[in-house]
Amino acid sequence: MGLEIDRTDFDADDRRLFSERLACSLDVLSELLERPGFGEGPMSLGAELEVSLVDDRGRPRLRNVEVLEASGDPRLTTELDRFNLEANMRHGPLAGPSFSRLIDECIECLEEIERAAADAGARVAMVGILPTLRSEDLAPDSMTESLRYEALSRSLRQLRDEPFLLDIHGDDDLRLEVEDVTYEGAATSFQVHLRVSPRDFPAVYDSIQLASAAVLAISGNSPLFLGRRLWHETRIALFKQAVDHRAERGTLGRDARVSFGHTWTSSPLDLFAESVEGHTPLLPVLDHEDPRDAAAGGGTPRLRELRLHQGTVWRWNRAIYDHAEGGHLRIELRALPAGPTVRDMAANAAFHIGLALDLARTADEWRADTDFDTVHGDFYRAAREGVEAEIHWPRPLGGTGESTPIAHLMPDLLARASAGCAAAGIDASDLRPLFEGLEARVAHGRTGASWQLAALARAERNRSRDEAIEAMFAGYLDRSRDGTPVHLWTDFHE
């Protein structure tokens, strides 16, 4: 989604022509979706892992370009802030040993980053938000030098015309005005891509939406930001607020650019249309390809403008068009944090995908009985409260319709996830240790977030907050590098 551009200044004509091209792209995509056989094929799995670079004290190390140059691995790329890198895993079939492959490639990429980072005095950290961050680490000069990032920052600031407001409440409170989008770069995630046929897309997409709260609740890994104890998955609030331009005239009633959505889905085209109709283009760069000409005679257009625009509207579950392999659709699951370990991330992804695939079988039934606004609220409640959260589970799926602790729902949710994975042909041997770990994680109430908070409380007995965070994070990094899943982590000891 991070397509590069060649300039940063745009005028009214640029935006008009780009908007016209977006409208044309939606028409062409509508025609593609009606084309027999378009997007059909086996489901596939891919992922993007965002990591941070840190020094020996666990503080951010702003050397991503140097590390990238030292590596040369084409799977690696820079991210928004100079202490971020992203590893793009190869897509492969969902059926078979897909999660073993994903685990192996993630480990391979992390080892390569560690090797390349050594000369820059940096190490890799997998965590939703670096707990050691300070405001000065997110100054404007912390942004990676890139025309795309510069243009994105400039366009968002022009739309808002006032500082971005961060207002997050937890055990501590954070209220801060910030001038740039570098705060977005503090949030790092494990983004999973699932290829889905157009005919199955609405049911699978809505099922991913419904499953998101339960998965997020047991996956939290960013409870600290700027020395404050906030949400179990503070990254959700931070990312949304750090790019929220809705001070723009006439937009206060619209979705934020980072959004869970506002209704169930009847067609994949609706999701692309909502992005186009509801959000001002930030990077209005025209491609040389005319979508209609490219689609003529059965061709597959790139729809670069639509893909570029879609990359600046950050739904927690996002629809993606890709022109590769004759053109296809994917769902990008964006709500899961990085870390604590590769196996934890693989378990979260397998749980989310398997649960959604099982729910999709009866989507028409449960959607008719399920209020979207309630599901929307549960998503943010899960981000705030973590593994102790209570969510509403639909009656047609065996729930009470009332607020229910995650721990009470987990036996049924894991059984459904196992069934969904089995129906997709995923190797059971891949899943068994992952799902057993999830079961233990919930039983012990131990996520990356809960471990960090408990370890911080212990470390603060004889340290200042900053010193305690540094000591806690050193223990976190040791355990994360060891690769032992978080439910087996020992308590923090001084």
Foldseek 3Di string as FASTA:
>chain_A
DPDADDAQDDDPVLQVVLLVLLVLLLVLVVVLLVDPPFFDDAKKKWKKFKKFKAAPLLHGQQAQVQLCVLQVPVQKDADFFSRMIMGTGDIDGLAEQRLVSVLVVVVVVQVSSQVSCVVVNIHIAFFQFRQLDAPVCQPPVRTDDGSSSNNLFVLLCVQQVFFQWQWFAAPHTDTDTHRTLSLLVRGTFMKMKMFDFQVLPLLLLVLLLLCQLLLLQLQQGDQHDNLDRTASNCNLRRNQRSRFRQSRPPQPPDAGLEEQDDARDDGLSVQLVCLSVRDRARDSDDDPDRSVVQPPPNHQDQSVSSQNSQVRRHYCWGWDWGPPPVIGIMIMRRSGGTDPASLQNSLSVLLSNLLSQLSSVCSVPQSVQDHVVQSRVSNVQSRRHHQQFWGADTVVLPTPRDTGHSLVCLVSSLVSSLVSSVVSNYDPVSNPVSSVLSNLSSVVVWHNSVLLVQQLVVQVPPDDSSVSNSLSVVLSNVVSVVRDDRSPDDHDDD
